């Protein structure tokens, strides 16, 4: 995975996929909330892809792919 730098900080970038039956925003929160249980120092995210599942003419499921940057410990 790539490493990005900003100032004196070094960030590791990881990719997450979150899903929700309610909304894109909820899918983002689900991904970040779950990752926060094991990843420390998350600082930013970028949505790189949004998908959905259609059933009987209605949106039934949202899925987002995120890039999340977190600070590497010294």
PDB file of N, CA and C in Angstrom:
ATOM      1  N   UNK A   1       0.839  -1.173   0.000  1.00  0.00           N
ATOM      2  CA  UNK A   1       0.000   0.000   0.000  1.00  0.00           C
ATOM      3  C   UNK A   1       0.887   1.240   0.000  1.00  0.00           C
ATOM      4  N   UNK A   2       0.423   2.341  -0.608  1.00  0.00           N
ATOM      5  CA  UNK A   2       1.240   3.544  -0.671  1.00  0.00           C
ATOM      6  C   UNK A   2       1.315   4.243   0.682  1.00  0.00           C
ATOM      7  N   UNK A   3       2.338   5.029   0.853  1.00  0.00           N
ATOM      8  CA  UNK A   3       2.495   5.863   2.046  1.00  0.00           C
ATOM      9  C   UNK A   3       2.542   7.310   1.578  1.00  0.00           C
ATOM     10  N   UNK A   4       1.726   8.170   2.172  1.00  0.00           N
ATOM     11  CA  UNK A   4       1.708   9.590   1.822  1.00  0.00           C
ATOM     12  C   UNK A   4       2.336  10.378   2.953  1.00  0.00           C
ATOM     13  N   UNK A   5       3.011  11.484   2.619  1.00  0.00           N
ATOM     14  CA  UNK A   5       3.604  12.339   3.651  1.00  0.00           C
ATOM     15  C   UNK A   5       2.997  13.717   3.583  1.00  0.00           C
ATOM     16  N   UNK A   6       2.879  14.368   4.743  1.00  0.00           N
ATOM     17  CA  UNK A   6       2.375  15.738   4.832  1.00  0.00           C
ATOM     18  C   UNK A   6       3.110  16.388   5.990  1.00  0.00           C
ATOM     19  N   UNK A   7       3.915  17.394   5.708  1.00  0.00           N
ATOM     20  CA  UNK A   7       4.710  18.013   6.761  1.00  0.00           C
ATOM     21  C   UNK A   7       5.675  16.991   7.340  1.00  0.00           C
ATOM     22  N   UNK A   8       5.679  16.882   8.659  1.00  0.00           N
ATOM     23  CA  UNK A   8       6.528  15.903   9.326  1.00  0.00           C
ATOM     24  C   UNK A   8       5.799  14.599   9.621  1.00  0.00           C
ATOM     25  N   UNK A   9       4.577  14.479   9.177  1.00  0.00           N
ATOM     26  CA  UNK A   9       3.792  13.283   9.437  1.00  0.00           C
ATOM     27  C   UNK A   9       3.943  12.295   8.288  1.00  0.00           C
ATOM     28  N   UNK A  10       3.877  11.018   8.613  1.00  0.00           N
ATOM     29  CA  UNK A  10       3.856   9.977   7.589  1.00  0.00           C
ATOM     30  C   UNK A  10       2.558   9.201   7.783  1.00  0.00           C
ATOM     31  N   UNK A  11       1.817   9.032   6.692  1.00  0.00           N
ATOM     32  CA  UNK A  11       0.528   8.359   6.737  1.00  0.00           C
ATOM     33  C   UNK A  11       0.583   7.062   5.950  1.00  0.00           C
ATOM     34  N   UNK A  12      -0.032   6.040   6.470  1.00  0.00           N
ATOM     35  CA  UNK A  12      -0.250   4.792   5.750  1.00  0.00           C
ATOM     36  C   UNK A  12      -1.666   4.870   5.209  1.00  0.00           C
ATOM     37  N   UNK A  13      -1.876   4.361   4.001  1.00  0.00           N
ATOM     38  CA  UNK A  13      -3.201   4.382   3.392  1.00  0.00           C
ATOM     39  C   UNK A  13      -3.724   2.951   3.292  1.00  0.00           C
ATOM     40  N   UNK A  14      -4.953   2.746   3.776  1.00  0.00           N
ATOM     41  CA  UNK A  14      -5.575   1.434   3.628  1.00  0.00           C
ATOM     42  C   UNK A  14      -6.909   1.601   2.930  1.00  0.00           C
ATOM     43  N   UNK A  15      -7.388   0.522   2.365  1.00  0.00           N
ATOM     44  CA  UNK A  15      -8.655   0.552   1.636  1.00  0.00           C
ATOM     45  C   UNK A  15      -9.694  -0.227   2.431  1.00  0.00           C
ATOM     46  N   UNK A  16     -10.872   0.356   2.573  1.00  0.00           N
ATOM     47  CA  UNK A  16     -11.990  -0.259   3.283  1.00  0.00           C
ATOM     48  C   UNK A  16     -13.212  -0.256   2.382  1.00  0.00           C
ATOM     49  N   UNK A  17     -14.100  -1.202   2.599  1.00  0.00           N
ATOM     50  CA  UNK A  17     -15.394  -1.221   1.921  1.00  0.00           C
ATOM     51  C   UNK A  17     -16.461  -1.300   3.002  1.00  0.00           C
ATOM     52  N   UNK A  18     -17.357  -0.313   3.009  1.00  0.00           N
ATOM     53  CA  UNK A  18     -18.453  -0.298   3.968  1.00  0.00           C
ATOM     54  C   UNK A  18     -19.773  -0.469   3.246  1.00  0.00           C
ATOM     55  N   UNK A  19     -20.763  -0.998   3.959  1.00  0.00           N
ATOM     56  CA  UNK A  19     -22.073  -1.190   3.340  1.00  0.00           C
ATOM     57  C   UNK A  19     -23.176  -0.814   4.323  1.00  0.00           C
ATOM     58  N   UNK A  20     -24.348  -0.526   3.755  1.00  0.00           N
ATOM     59  CA  UNK A  20     -25.511  -0.153   4.553  1.00  0.00           C
ATOM     60  C   UNK A  20     -26.769  -0.320   3.713  1.00  0.00           C
ATOM     61  N   UNK A  21     -27.849  -0.635   4.365  1.00  0.00           N
ATOM     62  CA  UNK A  21     -29.155  -0.667   3.699  1.00  0.00           C
ATOM     63  C   UNK A  21     -29.806   0.714   3.722  1.00  0.00           C
ATOM     64  N   UNK A  22     -29.241   1.669   4.502  1.00  0.00           N
ATOM     65  CA  UNK A  22     -29.883   2.970   4.688  1.00  0.00           C
ATOM     66  C   UNK A  22     -29.353   4.082   3.805  1.00  0.00           C
ATOM     67  N   UNK A  23     -28.001   4.243   3.722  1.00  0.00           N
ATOM     68  CA  UNK A  23     -27.468   5.377   2.973  1.00  0.00           C
ATOM     69  C   UNK A  23     -25.975   5.218   2.722  1.00  0.00           C
ATOM     70  N   UNK A  24     -25.454   6.045   1.807  1.00  0.00           N
ATOM     71  CA  UNK A  24     -24.020   6.092   1.548  1.00  0.00           C
ATOM     72  C   UNK A  24     -23.297   6.578   2.802  1.00  0.00           C
ATOM     73  N   UNK A  25     -23.837   7.604   3.452  1.00  0.00           N
ATOM     74  CA  UNK A  25     -23.218   8.141   4.661  1.00  0.00           C
ATOM     75  C   UNK A  25     -23.133   7.079   5.755  1.00  0.00           C
ATOM     76  N   UNK A  26     -24.168   6.280   5.892  1.00  0.00           N
ATOM     77  CA  UNK A  26     -24.176   5.205   6.885  1.00  0.00           C
ATOM     78  C   UNK A  26     -23.134   4.139   6.527  1.00  0.00           C
ATOM     79  N   UNK A  27     -22.966   3.856   5.246  1.00  0.00           N
ATOM     80  CA  UNK A  27     -21.947   2.895   4.805  1.00  0.00           C
ATOM     81  C   UNK A  27     -20.549   3.396   5.154  1.00  0.00           C
ATOM     82  N   UNK A  28     -20.316   4.704   4.993  1.00  0.00           N
ATOM     83  CA  UNK A  28     -19.031   5.297   5.367  1.00  0.00           C
ATOM     84  C   UNK A  28     -18.810   5.157   6.866  1.00  0.00           C
ATOM     85  N   UNK A  29     -19.810   5.523   7.656  1.00  0.00           N
ATOM     86  CA  UNK A  29     -19.702   5.415   9.114  1.00  0.00           C
ATOM     87  C   UNK A  29     -19.457   3.973   9.560  1.00  0.00           C
ATOM     88  N   UNK A  30     -20.125   3.015   8.916  1.00  0.00           N
ATOM     89  CA  UNK A  30     -19.939   1.603   9.268  1.00  0.00           C
ATOM     90  C   UNK A  30     -18.496   1.168   9.035  1.00  0.00           C
ATOM     91  N   UNK A  31     -17.915   1.567   7.897  1.00  0.00           N
ATOM     92  CA  UNK A  31     -16.537   1.189   7.591  1.00  0.00           C
ATOM     93  C   UNK A  31     -15.554   1.820   8.572  1.00  0.00           C
ATOM     94  N   UNK A  32     -15.699   3.108   8.815  1.00  0.00           N
ATOM     95  CA  UNK A  32     -14.765   3.807   9.706  1.00  0.00           C
ATOM     96  C   UNK A  32     -14.948   3.363  11.156  1.00  0.00           C
ATOM     97  N   UNK A  33     -16.184   3.180  11.569  1.00  0.00           N
ATOM     98  CA  UNK A  33     -16.448   2.734  12.939  1.00  0.00           C
ATOM     99  C   UNK A  33     -15.852   1.368  13.226  1.00  0.00           C
ATOM    100  N   UNK A  34     -15.984   0.474  12.276  1.00  0.00           N
ATOM    101  CA  UNK A  34     -15.417  -0.873  12.465  1.00  0.00           C
ATOM    102  C   UNK A  34     -13.899  -0.828  12.473  1.00  0.00           C
ATOM    103  N   UNK A  35     -13.306  -0.066  11.551  1.00  0.00           N
ATOM    104  CA  UNK A  35     -11.841   0.042  11.481  1.00  0.00           C
ATOM    105  C   UNK A  35     -11.282   0.685  12.743  1.00  0.00           C
ATOM    106  N   UNK A  36     -12.014   1.625  13.340  1.00  0.00           N
ATOM    107  CA  UNK A  36     -11.547   2.331  14.537  1.00  0.00           C
ATOM    108  C   UNK A  36     -11.351   1.387  15.720  1.00  0.00           C
ATOM    109  N   UNK A  37     -11.944   0.209  15.667  1.00  0.00           N
ATOM    110  CA  UNK A  37     -11.770  -0.767  16.749  1.00  0.00           C
ATOM    111  C   UNK A  37     -10.360  -1.349  16.764  1.00  0.00           C
ATOM    112  N   UNK A  38      -9.665  -1.335  15.612  1.00  0.00           N
ATOM    113  CA  UNK A  38      -8.332  -1.939  15.537  1.00  0.00           C
ATOM    114  C   UNK A  38      -7.260  -1.017  14.961  1.00  0.00           C
ATOM    115  N   UNK A  39      -7.648   0.071  14.306  1.00  0.00           N
ATOM    116  CA  UNK A  39      -6.686   0.998  13.701  1.00  0.00           C
ATOM    117  C   UNK A  39      -6.693   2.299  14.493  1.00  0.00           C
ATOM    118  N   UNK A  40      -5.523   2.707  14.968  1.00  0.00           N
ATOM    119  CA  UNK A  40      -5.412   3.964  15.705  1.00  0.00           C
ATOM    120  C   UNK A  40      -4.964   5.085  14.768  1.00  0.00           C
ATOM    121  N   UNK A  41      -5.233   6.298  15.195  1.00  0.00           N
ATOM    122  CA  UNK A  41      -4.732   7.505  14.529  1.00  0.00           C
ATOM    123  C   UNK A  41      -5.233   7.695  13.094  1.00  0.00           C
ATOM    124  N   UNK A  42      -6.470   7.254  12.794  1.00  0.00           N
ATOM    125  CA  UNK A  42      -7.037   7.548  11.479  1.00  0.00           C
ATOM    126  C   UNK A  42      -7.263   9.054  11.392  1.00  0.00           C
ATOM    127  N   UNK A  43      -6.868   9.656  10.269  1.00  0.00           N
ATOM    128  CA  UNK A  43      -6.926  11.114  10.128  1.00  0.00           C
ATOM    129  C   UNK A  43      -7.829  11.607   9.006  1.00  0.00           C
ATOM    130  N   UNK A  44      -7.983  10.849   7.935  1.00  0.00           N
ATOM    131  CA  UNK A  44      -8.780  11.323   6.805  1.00  0.00           C
ATOM    132  C   UNK A  44      -9.277  10.134   5.984  1.00  0.00           C
ATOM    133  N   UNK A  45     -10.284  10.395   5.154  1.00  0.00           N
ATOM    134  CA  UNK A  45     -10.762   9.373   4.229  1.00  0.00           C
ATOM    135  C   UNK A  45     -11.133  10.009   2.906  1.00  0.00           C
ATOM    136  N   UNK A  46     -11.158   9.183   1.879  1.00  0.00           N
ATOM    137  CA  UNK A  46     -11.544   9.590   0.529  1.00  0.00           C
ATOM    138  C   UNK A  46     -12.447   8.496  -0.028  1.00  0.00           C
ATOM    139  N   UNK A  47     -13.632   8.862  -0.505  1.00  0.00           N
ATOM    140  CA  UNK A  47     -14.514   7.888  -1.147  1.00  0.00           C
ATOM    141  C   UNK A  47     -14.038   7.718  -2.582  1.00  0.00           C
ATOM    142  N   UNK A  48     -13.674   6.495  -2.958  1.00  0.00           N
ATOM    143  CA  UNK A  48     -13.142   6.259  -4.301  1.00  0.00           C
ATOM    144  C   UNK A  48     -14.129   5.524  -5.198  1.00  0.00           C
ATOM    145  N   UNK A  49     -15.148   4.920  -4.603  1.00  0.00           N
ATOM    146  CA  UNK A  49     -16.150   4.234  -5.427  1.00  0.00           C
ATOM    147  C   UNK A  49     -17.441   4.096  -4.634  1.00  0.00           C
ATOM    148  N   UNK A  50     -18.555   4.284  -5.314  1.00  0.00           N
ATOM    149  CA  UNK A  50     -19.878   4.094  -4.719  1.00  0.00           C
ATOM    150  C   UNK A  50     -20.672   3.154  -5.600  1.00  0.00           C
ATOM    151  N   UNK A  51     -21.264   2.142  -4.974  1.00  0.00           N
ATOM    152  CA  UNK A  51     -22.068   1.165  -5.700  1.00  0.00           C
ATOM    153  C   UNK A  51     -23.371   0.946  -4.946  1.00  0.00           C
ATOM    154  N   UNK A  52     -24.313   0.335  -5.613  1.00  0.00           N
ATOM    155  CA  UNK A  52     -25.568  -0.007  -4.955  1.00  0.00           C
ATOM    156  C   UNK A  52     -26.198  -1.229  -5.575  1.00  0.00           C
ATOM    157  N   UNK A  53     -27.110  -1.807  -4.821  1.00  0.00           N
ATOM    158  CA  UNK A  53     -27.854  -2.985  -5.267  1.00  0.00           C
ATOM    159  C   UNK A  53     -29.314  -2.573  -5.464  1.00  0.00           C
ATOM    160  N   UNK A  54     -29.861  -2.936  -6.605  1.00  0.00           N
ATOM    161  CA  UNK A  54     -31.255  -2.607  -6.930  1.00  0.00           C
ATOM    162  C   UNK A  54     -32.075  -3.889  -6.872  1.00  0.00           C
ATOM    163  N   UNK A  55     -33.240  -3.791  -6.228  1.00  0.00           N
ATOM    164  CA  UNK A  55     -34.146  -4.935  -6.135  1.00  0.00           C
ATOM    165  C   UNK A  55     -35.578  -4.437  -6.351  1.00  0.00           C
ATOM    166  N   UNK A  56     -36.257  -5.016  -7.318  1.00  0.00           N
ATOM    167  CA  UNK A  56     -37.637  -4.632  -7.631  1.00  0.00           C
ATOM    168  C   UNK A  56     -37.793  -3.124  -7.860  1.00  0.00           C
ATOM    169  N   UNK A  57     -36.832  -2.538  -8.562  1.00  0.00           N
ATOM    170  CA  UNK A  57     -36.918  -1.126  -8.909  1.00  0.00           C
ATOM    171  C   UNK A  57     -36.566  -0.155  -7.800  1.00  0.00           C
ATOM    172  N   UNK A  58     -36.047  -0.647  -6.667  1.00  0.00           N
ATOM    173  CA  UNK A  58     -35.669   0.221  -5.546  1.00  0.00           C
ATOM    174  C   UNK A  58     -34.234  -0.069  -5.103  1.00  0.00           C
ATOM    175  N   UNK A  59     -33.582   0.970  -4.582  1.00  0.00           N
ATOM    176  CA  UNK A  59     -32.240   0.781  -4.026  1.00  0.00           C
ATOM    177  C   UNK A  59     -32.385   0.004  -2.725  1.00  0.00           C
ATOM    178  N   UNK A  60     -31.660  -1.103  -2.632  1.00  0.00           N
ATOM    179  CA  UNK A  60     -31.760  -1.964  -1.454  1.00  0.00           C
ATOM    180  C   UNK A  60     -30.499  -1.947  -0.602  1.00  0.00           C
ATOM    181  N   UNK A  61     -29.376  -1.572  -1.192  1.00  0.00           N
ATOM    182  CA  UNK A  61     -28.122  -1.665  -0.460  1.00  0.00           C
ATOM    183  C   UNK A  61     -27.115  -0.690  -1.066  1.00  0.00           C
ATOM    184  N   UNK A  62     -26.358  -0.002  -0.215  1.00  0.00           N
ATOM    185  CA  UNK A  62     -25.299   0.914  -0.640  1.00  0.00           C
ATOM    186  C   UNK A  62     -23.948   0.322  -0.238  1.00  0.00           C
ATOM    187  N   UNK A  63     -22.959   0.523  -1.076  1.00  0.00           N
ATOM    188  CA  UNK A  63     -21.607   0.056  -0.776  1.00  0.00           C
ATOM    189  C   UNK A  63     -20.621   1.118  -1.232  1.00  0.00           C
ATOM    190  N   UNK A  64     -19.667   1.466  -0.359  1.00  0.00           N
ATOM    191  CA  UNK A  64     -18.648   2.465  -0.688  1.00  0.00           C
ATOM    192  C   UNK A  64     -17.262   1.889  -0.441  1.00  0.00           C
ATOM    193  N   UNK A  65     -16.330   2.265  -1.308  1.00  0.00           N
ATOM    194  CA  UNK A  65     -14.922   1.928  -1.118  1.00  0.00           C
ATOM    195  C   UNK A  65     -14.223   3.209  -0.697  1.00  0.00           C
ATOM    196  N   UNK A  66     -13.467   3.129   0.396  1.00  0.00           N
ATOM    197  CA  UNK A  66     -12.785   4.282   0.972  1.00  0.00           C
ATOM    198  C   UNK A  66     -11.283   4.040   1.014  1.00  0.00           C
ATOM    199  N   UNK A  67     -10.525   5.105   0.849  1.00  0.00           N
ATOM    200  CA  UNK A  67      -9.111   5.099   1.210  1.00  0.00           C
ATOM    201  C   UNK A  67      -9.024   5.863   2.512  1.00  0.00           C
ATOM    202  N   UNK A  68      -8.397   5.285   3.507  1.00  0.00           N
ATOM    203  CA  UNK A  68      -8.286   5.892   4.814  1.00  0.00           C
ATOM    204  C   UNK A  68      -6.814   6.087   5.146  1.00  0.00           C
ATOM    205  N   UNK A  69      -6.451   7.289   5.569  1.00  0.00           N
ATOM    206  CA  UNK A  69      -5.079   7.568   5.963  1.00  0.00           C
ATOM    207  C   UNK A  69      -4.958   7.588   7.471  1.00  0.00           C
ATOM    208  N   UNK A  70      -3.928   6.927   7.980  1.00  0.00           N
ATOM    209  CA  UNK A  70      -3.681   6.972   9.415  1.00  0.00           C
ATOM    210  C   UNK A  70      -2.193   7.216   9.652  1.00  0.00           C
ATOM    211  N   UNK A  71      -1.896   7.879  10.771  1.00  0.00           N
ATOM    212  CA  UNK A  71      -0.539   8.261  11.103  1.00  0.00           C
ATOM    213  C   UNK A  71       0.244   7.049  11.586  1.00  0.00           C
ATOM    214  N   UNK A  72       1.440   6.863  11.047  1.00  0.00           N
ATOM    215  CA  UNK A  72       2.318   5.806  11.528  1.00  0.00           C
ATOM    216  C   UNK A  72       2.932   6.224  12.854  1.00  0.00           C
ATOM    217  N   UNK A  73       3.013   5.287  13.776  1.00  0.00           N
ATOM    218  CA  UNK A  73       3.632   5.575  15.069  1.00  0.00           C
ATOM    219  C   UNK A  73       5.139   5.620  14.924  1.00  0.00           C
ATOM    220  N   UNK A  74       5.748   6.469  15.720  1.00  0.00           N
ATOM    221  CA  UNK A  74       7.218   6.584  15.663  1.00  0.00           C
ATOM    222  C   UNK A  74       7.878   5.552  16.526  1.00  0.00           C
TER     223      UNK A  74
END
